[in-house]
Amino acid sequence: MATMKVALLAVLLLAAVILSIGTGSVHVPLWEVGKTLIGKGTAQHELILLQLRLPRAAASLLVGAAMAVSGALLQALVRNPLASPDLLGTTSGAAAAAIAFIAATNGEASIAWLPLAALAGGCAASALTYLLAWKKGSSPLRMVMIGVSVSSAMGALSIYFTLAGPLYLVSQALGWMAGTVYGTSWKHVAYLAPWVLVGTLVAMAQARSLNVLELGDPLATGVGVKVERKRFLFIAWSVALASSAVGIAGGISFVGLMAPHMARTLVGSNNRFVLPASAILGAFLVLLADLAGRTLFMPLDIPAGLFTALLGAPFFMYLLLKSKA
């Protein structure tokens, strides 16, 4: 049953992509979208769909999937429904490092290095959160509070690095901090895809170990799982996924919080199904947020991160009030 639900979600996502790339300031009918995708469209439609809208949609899918799987891993490891890369400082740390990199290189460095810079910042912020939250264990509420504090500090650093850089990069950096896939090309997709695909596949291949870790360290050790080694691996992949997404699309928030909860509601608690369902739902959220951003207020292009934040903030408040931590 869960397998069928995941397959249905994948089909719905594909339909959403087709509808998305056909919608915009220039409307392209569905049959023309289909013809263009198989190489029989007009030159105008090929330019609009294949060179402008499709890479943007692909980037949305990859970013959403990366953030969602990162959040699903953290929630399972910490056994805390409030855990997400946004709330534990990973996203803001990655953003601060990426902006510092852009400012230091005057925006001239290859984008191939941007995910690596973001990864370094995400690792540093995540490590700081865990260290500060540890006090004979780490309660869910303490980790969230420390994570919010670290996120705020990293946000302040992002603003500092933005202002310290060249003036012509300020508007670009501010839009990027809000979280956007505006201006993404196939080059961005090519740099992001290996990070997301490898990280997601590795996480899914280890879903059984993740299920055991959710039962607690004593039981996991008893059945032969190398707890510390597995936990380090999962945390590393979670940080890598979130940081690589931030390196391309900036601070698209709350996807890592919402998508795993939606996935568990649909397919249950088995991470063999939660991880792929989270990836699909996360991709769905960012795709729809970007579609809303570029169509609802034309000719303005609103960052997708603003829409995910509008959904995610009340969702987080609901979880916080519901939590018994």
C-alpha atoms as a PDB file:
ATOM      1  CA  MET A   1       0.000   0.000   0.000  1.00  0.00           C
ATOM      2  CA  ALA A   2       2.769   2.423   0.923  1.00  0.00           C
ATOM      3  CA  THR A   3       4.578   1.580  -2.323  1.00  0.00           C
ATOM      4  CA  MET A   4       1.466   2.450  -4.321  1.00  0.00           C
ATOM      5  CA  LYS A   5       1.154   5.765  -2.488  1.00  0.00           C
ATOM      6  CA  VAL A   6       4.769   6.658  -3.263  1.00  0.00           C
ATOM      7  CA  ALA A   7       4.225   5.752  -6.935  1.00  0.00           C
ATOM      8  CA  LEU A   8       1.068   7.862  -7.045  1.00  0.00           C
ATOM      9  CA  LEU A   9       2.942  10.806  -5.531  1.00  0.00           C
ATOM     10  CA  ALA A  10       5.602  10.446  -8.233  1.00  0.00           C
ATOM     11  CA  VAL A  11       2.953  10.497 -10.978  1.00  0.00           C
ATOM     12  CA  LEU A  12       1.321  13.586  -9.458  1.00  0.00           C
ATOM     13  CA  LEU A  13       4.716  15.299  -9.272  1.00  0.00           C
ATOM     14  CA  LEU A  14       5.357  14.597 -12.948  1.00  0.00           C
ATOM     15  CA  ALA A  15       1.957  16.066 -13.824  1.00  0.00           C
ATOM     16  CA  ALA A  16       2.750  19.136 -11.699  1.00  0.00           C
ATOM     17  CA  VAL A  17       6.039  19.643 -13.559  1.00  0.00           C
ATOM     18  CA  ILE A  18       4.273  19.542 -16.929  1.00  0.00           C
ATOM     19  CA  LEU A  19       1.630  22.017 -15.756  1.00  0.00           C
ATOM     20  CA  SER A  20       4.292  24.249 -14.204  1.00  0.00           C
ATOM     21  CA  ILE A  21       6.486  24.617 -17.259  1.00  0.00           C
ATOM     22  CA  GLY A  22       3.454  25.388 -19.406  1.00  0.00           C
ATOM     23  CA  THR A  23       2.299  28.183 -17.097  1.00  0.00           C
ATOM     24  CA  GLY A  24       3.715  31.680 -17.090  1.00  0.00           C
ATOM     25  CA  SER A  25       3.632  35.027 -18.824  1.00  0.00           C
ATOM     26  CA  VAL A  26       3.514  33.059 -22.074  1.00  0.00           C
ATOM     27  CA  HIS A  27       1.006  30.229 -21.700  1.00  0.00           C
ATOM     28  CA  VAL A  28       1.894  27.025 -23.518  1.00  0.00           C
ATOM     29  CA  PRO A  29      -0.935  24.471 -23.983  1.00  0.00           C
ATOM     30  CA  LEU A  30      -0.364  20.981 -22.611  1.00  0.00           C
ATOM     31  CA  TRP A  31      -0.208  19.360 -26.029  1.00  0.00           C
ATOM     32  CA  GLU A  32       2.445  21.852 -27.104  1.00  0.00           C
ATOM     33  CA  VAL A  33       4.405  21.101 -23.921  1.00  0.00           C
ATOM     34  CA  GLY A  34       4.298  17.400 -24.791  1.00  0.00           C
ATOM     35  CA  LYS A  35       5.403  18.025 -28.375  1.00  0.00           C
ATOM     36  CA  THR A  36       8.267  20.227 -27.196  1.00  0.00           C
ATOM     37  CA  LEU A  37       9.476  17.652 -24.667  1.00  0.00           C
ATOM     38  CA  ILE A  38       9.760  15.006 -27.403  1.00  0.00           C
ATOM     39  CA  GLY A  39      11.586  17.402 -29.730  1.00  0.00           C
ATOM     40  CA  LYS A  40       8.710  18.383 -32.040  1.00  0.00           C
ATOM     41  CA  GLY A  41       7.883  21.826 -30.690  1.00  0.00           C
ATOM     42  CA  THR A  42       8.475  25.246 -32.221  1.00  0.00           C
ATOM     43  CA  ALA A  43      11.720  27.145 -31.719  1.00  0.00           C
ATOM     44  CA  GLN A  44       9.938  29.630 -29.440  1.00  0.00           C
ATOM     45  CA  HIS A  45       8.502  26.898 -27.246  1.00  0.00           C
ATOM     46  CA  GLU A  46      11.844  25.118 -27.070  1.00  0.00           C
ATOM     47  CA  LEU A  47      13.479  28.295 -25.825  1.00  0.00           C
ATOM     48  CA  ILE A  48      10.779  29.031 -23.236  1.00  0.00           C
ATOM     49  CA  LEU A  49      10.298  25.483 -21.973  1.00  0.00           C
ATOM     50  CA  LEU A  50      13.650  23.759 -22.368  1.00  0.00           C
ATOM     51  CA  GLN A  51      16.030  26.625 -21.682  1.00  0.00           C
ATOM     52  CA  LEU A  52      14.107  28.822 -19.244  1.00  0.00           C
ATOM     53  CA  ARG A  53      11.370  26.969 -17.373  1.00  0.00           C
ATOM     54  CA  LEU A  54      12.478  23.334 -17.327  1.00  0.00           C
ATOM     55  CA  PRO A  55      15.898  23.926 -15.680  1.00  0.00           C
ATOM     56  CA  ARG A  56      14.164  26.113 -13.091  1.00  0.00           C
ATOM     57  CA  ALA A  57      11.629  23.347 -12.426  1.00  0.00           C
ATOM     58  CA  ALA A  58      14.421  20.757 -12.212  1.00  0.00           C
ATOM     59  CA  ALA A  59      16.304  22.912  -9.712  1.00  0.00           C
ATOM     60  CA  SER A  60      13.097  23.265  -7.654  1.00  0.00           C
ATOM     61  CA  LEU A  61      12.688  19.486  -7.578  1.00  0.00           C
ATOM     62  CA  LEU A  62      16.276  18.871  -6.516  1.00  0.00           C
ATOM     63  CA  VAL A  63      16.275  21.587  -3.851  1.00  0.00           C
ATOM     64  CA  GLY A  64      12.957  20.449  -2.412  1.00  0.00           C
ATOM     65  CA  ALA A  65      13.986  16.796  -2.356  1.00  0.00           C
ATOM     66  CA  ALA A  66      17.322  17.607  -0.708  1.00  0.00           C
ATOM     67  CA  MET A  67      15.767  19.722   2.045  1.00  0.00           C
ATOM     68  CA  ALA A  68      12.999  17.178   2.690  1.00  0.00           C
ATOM     69  CA  VAL A  69      15.295  14.154   2.953  1.00  0.00           C
ATOM     70  CA  SER A  70      17.653  16.154   5.168  1.00  0.00           C
ATOM     71  CA  GLY A  71      14.757  16.963   7.483  1.00  0.00           C
ATOM     72  CA  ALA A  72      13.491  13.366   7.502  1.00  0.00           C
ATOM     73  CA  LEU A  73      16.938  12.121   8.524  1.00  0.00           C
ATOM     74  CA  LEU A  74      17.243  14.650  11.337  1.00  0.00           C
ATOM     75  CA  GLN A  75      13.768  13.944  12.691  1.00  0.00           C
ATOM     76  CA  ALA A  76      14.478  10.211  12.762  1.00  0.00           C
ATOM     77  CA  LEU A  77      17.931  10.571  14.335  1.00  0.00           C
ATOM     78  CA  VAL A  78      16.951  13.071  17.008  1.00  0.00           C
ATOM     79  CA  ARG A  79      13.529  11.446  17.478  1.00  0.00           C
ATOM     80  CA  ASN A  80      12.156  14.965  17.526  1.00  0.00           C
ATOM     81  CA  PRO A  81       9.317  16.122  15.235  1.00  0.00           C
ATOM     82  CA  LEU A  82      10.615  19.710  15.450  1.00  0.00           C
ATOM     83  CA  ALA A  83      14.030  18.896  13.981  1.00  0.00           C
ATOM     84  CA  SER A  84      14.837  20.303  10.554  1.00  0.00           C
ATOM     85  CA  PRO A  85      17.879  21.801   8.815  1.00  0.00           C
ATOM     86  CA  ASP A  86      16.331  25.292   9.210  1.00  0.00           C
ATOM     87  CA  LEU A  87      15.753  25.061  12.956  1.00  0.00           C
ATOM     88  CA  LEU A  88      19.091  23.437  13.824  1.00  0.00           C
ATOM     89  CA  GLY A  89      21.216  26.071  12.099  1.00  0.00           C
ATOM     90  CA  THR A  90      22.320  24.038   9.076  1.00  0.00           C
ATOM     91  CA  THR A  91      20.523  26.166   6.495  1.00  0.00           C
ATOM     92  CA  SER A  92      21.522  29.534   7.933  1.00  0.00           C
ATOM     93  CA  GLY A  93      25.125  28.421   8.429  1.00  0.00           C
ATOM     94  CA  ALA A  94      25.316  27.228   4.834  1.00  0.00           C
ATOM     95  CA  ALA A  95      23.813  30.502   3.633  1.00  0.00           C
ATOM     96  CA  ALA A  96      26.293  32.590   5.646  1.00  0.00           C
ATOM     97  CA  ALA A  97      29.252  30.645   4.267  1.00  0.00           C
ATOM     98  CA  ALA A  98      27.945  30.869   0.695  1.00  0.00           C
ATOM     99  CA  ILE A  99      27.416  34.638   0.937  1.00  0.00           C
ATOM    100  CA  ALA A 100      30.877  35.041   2.451  1.00  0.00           C
ATOM    101  CA  PHE A 101      32.282  33.082  -0.490  1.00  0.00           C
ATOM    102  CA  ILE A 102      30.402  35.246  -3.007  1.00  0.00           C
ATOM    103  CA  ALA A 103      31.566  38.443  -1.303  1.00  0.00           C
ATOM    104  CA  ALA A 104      35.189  37.281  -1.052  1.00  0.00           C
ATOM    105  CA  THR A 105      35.344  36.330  -4.723  1.00  0.00           C
ATOM    106  CA  ASN A 106      33.276  39.314  -5.968  1.00  0.00           C
ATOM    107  CA  GLY A 107      30.832  36.814  -7.454  1.00  0.00           C
ATOM    108  CA  GLU A 108      33.402  35.701 -10.021  1.00  0.00           C
ATOM    109  CA  ALA A 109      34.169  32.202  -8.728  1.00  0.00           C
ATOM    110  CA  SER A 110      32.670  29.146 -10.384  1.00  0.00           C
ATOM    111  CA  ILE A 111      29.320  28.035  -8.969  1.00  0.00           C
ATOM    112  CA  ALA A 112      30.863  24.563  -8.691  1.00  0.00           C
ATOM    113  CA  TRP A 113      32.564  25.762  -5.497  1.00  0.00           C
ATOM    114  CA  LEU A 114      29.443  27.295  -3.973  1.00  0.00           C
ATOM    115  CA  PRO A 115      27.936  24.015  -2.643  1.00  0.00           C
ATOM    116  CA  LEU A 116      31.311  23.215  -1.049  1.00  0.00           C
ATOM    117  CA  ALA A 117      31.410  26.592   0.688  1.00  0.00           C
ATOM    118  CA  ALA A 118      27.816  26.093   1.831  1.00  0.00           C
ATOM    119  CA  LEU A 119      28.669  22.596   3.062  1.00  0.00           C
ATOM    120  CA  ALA A 120      31.481  23.956   5.248  1.00  0.00           C
ATOM    121  CA  GLY A 121      29.154  26.535   6.787  1.00  0.00           C
ATOM    122  CA  GLY A 122      26.363  24.024   7.317  1.00  0.00           C
ATOM    123  CA  CYS A 123      28.713  21.591   9.054  1.00  0.00           C
ATOM    124  CA  ALA A 124      30.099  24.297  11.338  1.00  0.00           C
ATOM    125  CA  ALA A 125      26.646  25.579  12.347  1.00  0.00           C
ATOM    126  CA  SER A 126      25.236  22.073  12.918  1.00  0.00           C
ATOM    127  CA  ALA A 127      28.224  21.062  15.053  1.00  0.00           C
ATOM    128  CA  LEU A 128      27.848  24.226  17.129  1.00  0.00           C
ATOM    129  CA  THR A 129      24.138  23.525  17.710  1.00  0.00           C
ATOM    130  CA  TYR A 130      24.736  19.967  18.897  1.00  0.00           C
ATOM    131  CA  LEU A 131      27.639  20.964  21.154  1.00  0.00           C
ATOM    132  CA  LEU A 132      25.724  23.792  22.819  1.00  0.00           C
ATOM    133  CA  ALA A 133      22.565  21.705  23.209  1.00  0.00           C
ATOM    134  CA  TRP A 134      24.345  18.781  24.869  1.00  0.00           C
ATOM    135  CA  LYS A 135      23.898  18.672  28.648  1.00  0.00           C
ATOM    136  CA  LYS A 136      23.800  15.070  29.854  1.00  0.00           C
ATOM    137  CA  GLY A 137      21.695  14.459  26.795  1.00  0.00           C
ATOM    138  CA  SER A 138      19.754  16.824  24.621  1.00  0.00           C
ATOM    139  CA  SER A 139      16.045  17.488  25.063  1.00  0.00           C
ATOM    140  CA  PRO A 140      14.012  18.374  21.956  1.00  0.00           C
ATOM    141  CA  LEU A 141      13.120  21.805  23.321  1.00  0.00           C
ATOM    142  CA  ARG A 142      16.753  22.665  24.164  1.00  0.00           C
ATOM    143  CA  MET A 143      17.946  21.649  20.717  1.00  0.00           C
ATOM    144  CA  VAL A 144      15.284  23.751  19.011  1.00  0.00           C
ATOM    145  CA  MET A 145      16.025  26.790  21.184  1.00  0.00           C
ATOM    146  CA  ILE A 146      19.781  26.512  20.623  1.00  0.00           C
ATOM    147  CA  GLY A 147      19.189  25.938  16.913  1.00  0.00           C
ATOM    148  CA  VAL A 148      17.057  29.075  16.649  1.00  0.00           C
ATOM    149  CA  SER A 149      19.804  31.048  18.402  1.00  0.00           C
ATOM    150  CA  VAL A 150      22.504  29.696  16.098  1.00  0.00           C
ATOM    151  CA  SER A 151      20.296  30.416  13.088  1.00  0.00           C
ATOM    152  CA  SER A 152      19.859  34.006  14.240  1.00  0.00           C
ATOM    153  CA  ALA A 153      23.606  34.421  14.672  1.00  0.00           C
ATOM    154  CA  MET A 154      24.268  32.970  11.227  1.00  0.00           C
ATOM    155  CA  GLY A 155      21.617  35.263   9.776  1.00  0.00           C
ATOM    156  CA  ALA A 156      23.435  38.251  11.268  1.00  0.00           C
ATOM    157  CA  LEU A 157      26.677  37.022   9.693  1.00  0.00           C
ATOM    158  CA  SER A 158      24.904  36.703   6.338  1.00  0.00           C
ATOM    159  CA  ILE A 159      23.819  40.342   6.539  1.00  0.00           C
ATOM    160  CA  TYR A 160      27.342  41.415   7.506  1.00  0.00           C
ATOM    161  CA  PHE A 161      28.934  39.544   4.594  1.00  0.00           C
ATOM    162  CA  THR A 162      26.295  40.957   2.247  1.00  0.00           C
ATOM    163  CA  LEU A 163      27.090  44.531   3.277  1.00  0.00           C
ATOM    164  CA  ALA A 164      30.835  43.864   3.272  1.00  0.00           C
ATOM    165  CA  GLY A 165      30.780  42.701  -0.330  1.00  0.00           C
ATOM    166  CA  PRO A 166      30.571  44.792  -3.509  1.00  0.00           C
ATOM    167  CA  LEU A 167      27.443  46.963  -3.737  1.00  0.00           C
ATOM    168  CA  TYR A 168      26.317  45.428  -7.014  1.00  0.00           C
ATOM    169  CA  LEU A 169      25.986  42.045  -5.272  1.00  0.00           C
ATOM    170  CA  VAL A 170      23.758  43.301  -2.442  1.00  0.00           C
ATOM    171  CA  SER A 171      20.401  42.971  -4.237  1.00  0.00           C
ATOM    172  CA  GLN A 172      21.404  39.580  -5.617  1.00  0.00           C
ATOM    173  CA  ALA A 173      22.443  38.345  -2.173  1.00  0.00           C
ATOM    174  CA  LEU A 174      19.272  39.614  -0.473  1.00  0.00           C
ATOM    175  CA  GLY A 175      17.044  37.850  -2.997  1.00  0.00           C
ATOM    176  CA  TRP A 176      19.119  34.707  -2.684  1.00  0.00           C
ATOM    177  CA  MET A 177      18.881  34.788   1.133  1.00  0.00           C
ATOM    178  CA  ALA A 178      15.089  34.708   0.826  1.00  0.00           C
ATOM    179  CA  GLY A 179      15.376  31.472  -1.144  1.00  0.00           C
ATOM    180  CA  THR A 180      14.886  31.450  -4.899  1.00  0.00           C
ATOM    181  CA  VAL A 181      15.583  29.364  -7.991  1.00  0.00           C
ATOM    182  CA  TYR A 182      15.258  32.424 -10.231  1.00  0.00           C
ATOM    183  CA  GLY A 183      17.942  32.447 -12.908  1.00  0.00           C
ATOM    184  CA  THR A 184      18.944  28.806 -12.474  1.00  0.00           C
ATOM    185  CA  SER A 185      20.206  27.072 -15.594  1.00  0.00           C
ATOM    186  CA  TRP A 186      21.142  23.562 -16.631  1.00  0.00           C
ATOM    187  CA  LYS A 187      24.624  24.287 -15.274  1.00  0.00           C
ATOM    188  CA  HIS A 188      23.180  24.771 -11.774  1.00  0.00           C
ATOM    189  CA  VAL A 189      21.150  21.572 -12.138  1.00  0.00           C
ATOM    190  CA  ALA A 190      24.256  19.657 -13.232  1.00  0.00           C
ATOM    191  CA  TYR A 191      26.204  20.808 -10.178  1.00  0.00           C
ATOM    192  CA  LEU A 192      23.369  20.105  -7.719  1.00  0.00           C
ATOM    193  CA  ALA A 193      22.086  16.791  -9.099  1.00  0.00           C
ATOM    194  CA  PRO A 194      25.028  14.562  -8.018  1.00  0.00           C
ATOM    195  CA  TRP A 195      24.859  15.833  -4.424  1.00  0.00           C
ATOM    196  CA  VAL A 196      21.113  15.248  -4.170  1.00  0.00           C
ATOM    197  CA  LEU A 197      20.931  11.926  -6.009  1.00  0.00           C
ATOM    198  CA  VAL A 198      23.893  10.335  -4.225  1.00  0.00           C
ATOM    199  CA  GLY A 199      22.847  11.662  -0.808  1.00  0.00           C
ATOM    200  CA  THR A 200      19.250  10.505  -1.213  1.00  0.00           C
ATOM    201  CA  LEU A 201      20.192   7.065  -2.546  1.00  0.00           C
ATOM    202  CA  VAL A 202      22.699   6.496   0.265  1.00  0.00           C
ATOM    203  CA  ALA A 203      20.091   7.493   2.848  1.00  0.00           C
ATOM    204  CA  MET A 204      17.454   5.219   1.308  1.00  0.00           C
ATOM    205  CA  ALA A 205      19.876   2.301   1.159  1.00  0.00           C
ATOM    206  CA  GLN A 206      20.404   2.678   4.913  1.00  0.00           C
ATOM    207  CA  ALA A 207      16.691   3.052   5.772  1.00  0.00           C
ATOM    208  CA  ARG A 208      16.666  -0.170   7.807  1.00  0.00           C
ATOM    209  CA  SER A 209      19.455   1.098  10.064  1.00  0.00           C
ATOM    210  CA  LEU A 210      17.611   4.387  10.446  1.00  0.00           C
ATOM    211  CA  ASN A 211      14.489   2.498  11.553  1.00  0.00           C
ATOM    212  CA  VAL A 212      16.520   0.679  14.207  1.00  0.00           C
ATOM    213  CA  LEU A 213      18.167   3.886  15.447  1.00  0.00           C
ATOM    214  CA  GLU A 214      14.712   5.392  15.997  1.00  0.00           C
ATOM    215  CA  LEU A 215      14.044   2.642  18.564  1.00  0.00           C
ATOM    216  CA  GLY A 216      16.875   3.885  20.803  1.00  0.00           C
ATOM    217  CA  ASP A 217      20.606   3.320  21.199  1.00  0.00           C
ATOM    218  CA  PRO A 218      20.435   0.262  23.538  1.00  0.00           C
ATOM    219  CA  LEU A 219      18.195  -1.718  21.202  1.00  0.00           C
ATOM    220  CA  ALA A 220      20.156  -0.651  18.114  1.00  0.00           C
ATOM    221  CA  THR A 221      23.406  -1.770  19.752  1.00  0.00           C
ATOM    222  CA  GLY A 222      21.777  -5.034  20.777  1.00  0.00           C
ATOM    223  CA  VAL A 223      20.879  -5.951  17.209  1.00  0.00           C
ATOM    224  CA  GLY A 224      24.393  -5.220  15.976  1.00  0.00           C
ATOM    225  CA  VAL A 225      24.100  -1.670  14.606  1.00  0.00           C
ATOM    226  CA  LYS A 226      27.223   0.450  15.037  1.00  0.00           C
ATOM    227  CA  VAL A 227      25.307   3.359  16.501  1.00  0.00           C
ATOM    228  CA  GLU A 228      27.899   6.142  16.492  1.00  0.00           C
ATOM    229  CA  ARG A 229      29.162   5.271  13.035  1.00  0.00           C
ATOM    230  CA  LYS A 230      25.655   5.164  11.564  1.00  0.00           C
ATOM    231  CA  ARG A 231      24.596   8.350  13.337  1.00  0.00           C
ATOM    232  CA  PHE A 232      27.651  10.192  12.004  1.00  0.00           C
ATOM    233  CA  LEU A 233      26.913   8.956   8.479  1.00  0.00           C
ATOM    234  CA  PHE A 234      23.287  10.063   8.588  1.00  0.00           C
ATOM    235  CA  ILE A 235      24.104  13.470  10.073  1.00  0.00           C
ATOM    236  CA  ALA A 236      26.814  13.977   7.450  1.00  0.00           C
ATOM    237  CA  TRP A 237      24.427  13.189   4.610  1.00  0.00           C
ATOM    238  CA  SER A 238      21.707  15.357   6.131  1.00  0.00           C
ATOM    239  CA  VAL A 239      24.053  18.338   6.343  1.00  0.00           C
ATOM    240  CA  ALA A 240      25.432  17.679   2.848  1.00  0.00           C
ATOM    241  CA  LEU A 241      21.944  17.552   1.319  1.00  0.00           C
ATOM    242  CA  ALA A 242      20.719  20.729   3.009  1.00  0.00           C
ATOM    243  CA  SER A 243      23.942  22.654   2.392  1.00  0.00           C
ATOM    244  CA  SER A 244      24.152  21.758  -1.296  1.00  0.00           C
ATOM    245  CA  ALA A 245      20.554  22.903  -1.783  1.00  0.00           C
ATOM    246  CA  VAL A 246      21.280  26.191  -0.005  1.00  0.00           C
ATOM    247  CA  GLY A 247      24.382  26.645  -2.158  1.00  0.00           C
ATOM    248  CA  ILE A 248      22.191  26.819  -5.263  1.00  0.00           C
ATOM    249  CA  ALA A 249      18.834  28.183  -4.093  1.00  0.00           C
ATOM    250  CA  GLY A 250      19.548  30.048  -0.868  1.00  0.00           C
ATOM    251  CA  GLY A 251      17.404  29.885   2.254  1.00  0.00           C
ATOM    252  CA  ILE A 252      14.207  28.117   1.201  1.00  0.00           C
ATOM    253  CA  SER A 253      12.877  27.398   4.676  1.00  0.00           C
ATOM    254  CA  PHE A 254      10.563  24.917   6.414  1.00  0.00           C
ATOM    255  CA  VAL A 255      10.501  22.347   3.592  1.00  0.00           C
ATOM    256  CA  GLY A 256      12.627  20.023   5.719  1.00  0.00           C
ATOM    257  CA  LEU A 257      10.107  20.394   8.539  1.00  0.00           C
ATOM    258  CA  MET A 258       6.831  20.011   6.623  1.00  0.00           C
ATOM    259  CA  ALA A 259       7.554  17.344   4.003  1.00  0.00           C
ATOM    260  CA  PRO A 260       8.586  14.513   6.400  1.00  0.00           C
ATOM    261  CA  HIS A 261       5.465  15.053   8.523  1.00  0.00           C
ATOM    262  CA  MET A 262       3.274  14.934   5.437  1.00  0.00           C
ATOM    263  CA  ALA A 263       5.095  11.796   4.290  1.00  0.00           C
ATOM    264  CA  ARG A 264       4.583   9.987   7.603  1.00  0.00           C
ATOM    265  CA  THR A 265       0.893  10.846   7.535  1.00  0.00           C
ATOM    266  CA  LEU A 266       0.591   9.257   4.088  1.00  0.00           C
ATOM    267  CA  VAL A 267       2.897   6.213   4.247  1.00  0.00           C
ATOM    268  CA  GLY A 268       3.478   5.477   7.936  1.00  0.00           C
ATOM    269  CA  SER A 269       6.688   5.481   9.956  1.00  0.00           C
ATOM    270  CA  ASN A 270       8.854   3.046   7.950  1.00  0.00           C
ATOM    271  CA  ASN A 271      11.752   5.116   6.618  1.00  0.00           C
ATOM    272  CA  ARG A 272      11.992   2.872   3.557  1.00  0.00           C
ATOM    273  CA  PHE A 273       8.879   4.700   2.388  1.00  0.00           C
ATOM    274  CA  VAL A 274       9.181   7.934   4.382  1.00  0.00           C
ATOM    275  CA  LEU A 275      12.426   8.987   2.665  1.00  0.00           C
ATOM    276  CA  PRO A 276      11.209   8.714  -0.976  1.00  0.00           C
ATOM    277  CA  ALA A 277       7.806  10.151  -0.053  1.00  0.00           C
ATOM    278  CA  SER A 278       9.517  13.064   1.718  1.00  0.00           C
ATOM    279  CA  ALA A 279      11.711  13.702  -1.323  1.00  0.00           C
ATOM    280  CA  ILE A 280       8.691  13.811  -3.639  1.00  0.00           C
ATOM    281  CA  LEU A 281       6.631  16.013  -1.323  1.00  0.00           C
ATOM    282  CA  GLY A 282       9.548  18.364  -0.738  1.00  0.00           C
ATOM    283  CA  ALA A 283      10.043  18.682  -4.484  1.00  0.00           C
ATOM    284  CA  PHE A 284       6.309  19.321  -4.823  1.00  0.00           C
ATOM    285  CA  LEU A 285       6.370  22.115  -2.210  1.00  0.00           C
ATOM    286  CA  VAL A 286       9.270  23.999  -3.775  1.00  0.00           C
ATOM    287  CA  LEU A 287       7.920  23.538  -7.310  1.00  0.00           C
ATOM    288  CA  LEU A 288       4.519  24.958  -6.322  1.00  0.00           C
ATOM    289  CA  ALA A 289       6.114  27.760  -4.286  1.00  0.00           C
ATOM    290  CA  ASP A 290       8.238  28.778  -7.276  1.00  0.00           C
ATOM    291  CA  LEU A 291       5.226  28.546  -9.605  1.00  0.00           C
ATOM    292  CA  ALA A 292       3.268  30.832  -7.284  1.00  0.00           C
ATOM    293  CA  GLY A 293       6.191  33.225  -7.032  1.00  0.00           C
ATOM    294  CA  ARG A 294       6.568  33.693 -10.762  1.00  0.00           C
ATOM    295  CA  THR A 295       2.861  33.774 -11.732  1.00  0.00           C
ATOM    296  CA  LEU A 296       0.763  35.340  -8.957  1.00  0.00           C
ATOM    297  CA  PHE A 297       2.392  38.780  -9.028  1.00  0.00           C
ATOM    298  CA  MET A 298       3.606  39.109 -12.621  1.00  0.00           C
ATOM    299  CA  PRO A 299       5.774  40.793 -13.751  1.00  0.00           C
ATOM    300  CA  LEU A 300       7.371  40.517 -10.306  1.00  0.00           C
ATOM    301  CA  ASP A 301       9.185  37.281  -9.492  1.00  0.00           C
ATOM    302  CA  ILE A 302       8.722  36.559  -5.772  1.00  0.00           C
ATOM    303  CA  PRO A 303      11.274  34.219  -4.105  1.00  0.00           C
ATOM    304  CA  ALA A 304       9.884  30.740  -3.456  1.00  0.00           C
ATOM    305  CA  GLY A 305      11.244  30.886   0.099  1.00  0.00           C
ATOM    306  CA  LEU A 306       8.653  33.499   1.048  1.00  0.00           C
ATOM    307  CA  PHE A 307       5.821  31.113   0.200  1.00  0.00           C
ATOM    308  CA  THR A 308       7.337  28.145   2.017  1.00  0.00           C
ATOM    309  CA  ALA A 309       7.864  30.396   5.052  1.00  0.00           C
ATOM    310  CA  LEU A 310       4.214  31.506   4.959  1.00  0.00           C
ATOM    311  CA  LEU A 311       3.188  27.844   5.098  1.00  0.00           C
ATOM    312  CA  GLY A 312       5.934  26.672   7.422  1.00  0.00           C
ATOM    313  CA  ALA A 313       5.710  29.253  10.207  1.00  0.00           C
ATOM    314  CA  PRO A 314       2.170  28.327  11.343  1.00  0.00           C
ATOM    315  CA  PHE A 315       3.000  24.642  10.807  1.00  0.00           C
ATOM    316  CA  PHE A 316       5.973  24.977  13.160  1.00  0.00           C
ATOM    317  CA  MET A 317       3.875  26.785  15.769  1.00  0.00           C
ATOM    318  CA  TYR A 318       1.321  23.963  15.615  1.00  0.00           C
ATOM    319  CA  LEU A 319       4.035  21.345  16.172  1.00  0.00           C
ATOM    320  CA  LEU A 320       5.615  23.360  18.974  1.00  0.00           C
ATOM    321  CA  LEU A 321       2.308  23.640  20.822  1.00  0.00           C
ATOM    322  CA  LYS A 322       1.566  19.974  20.211  1.00  0.00           C
ATOM    323  CA  SER A 323       4.983  18.805  21.408  1.00  0.00           C
ATOM    324  CA  LYS A 324       5.292  17.520  24.973  1.00  0.00           C
ATOM    325  CA  ALA A 325       9.017  18.344  25.079  1.00  0.00           C
END
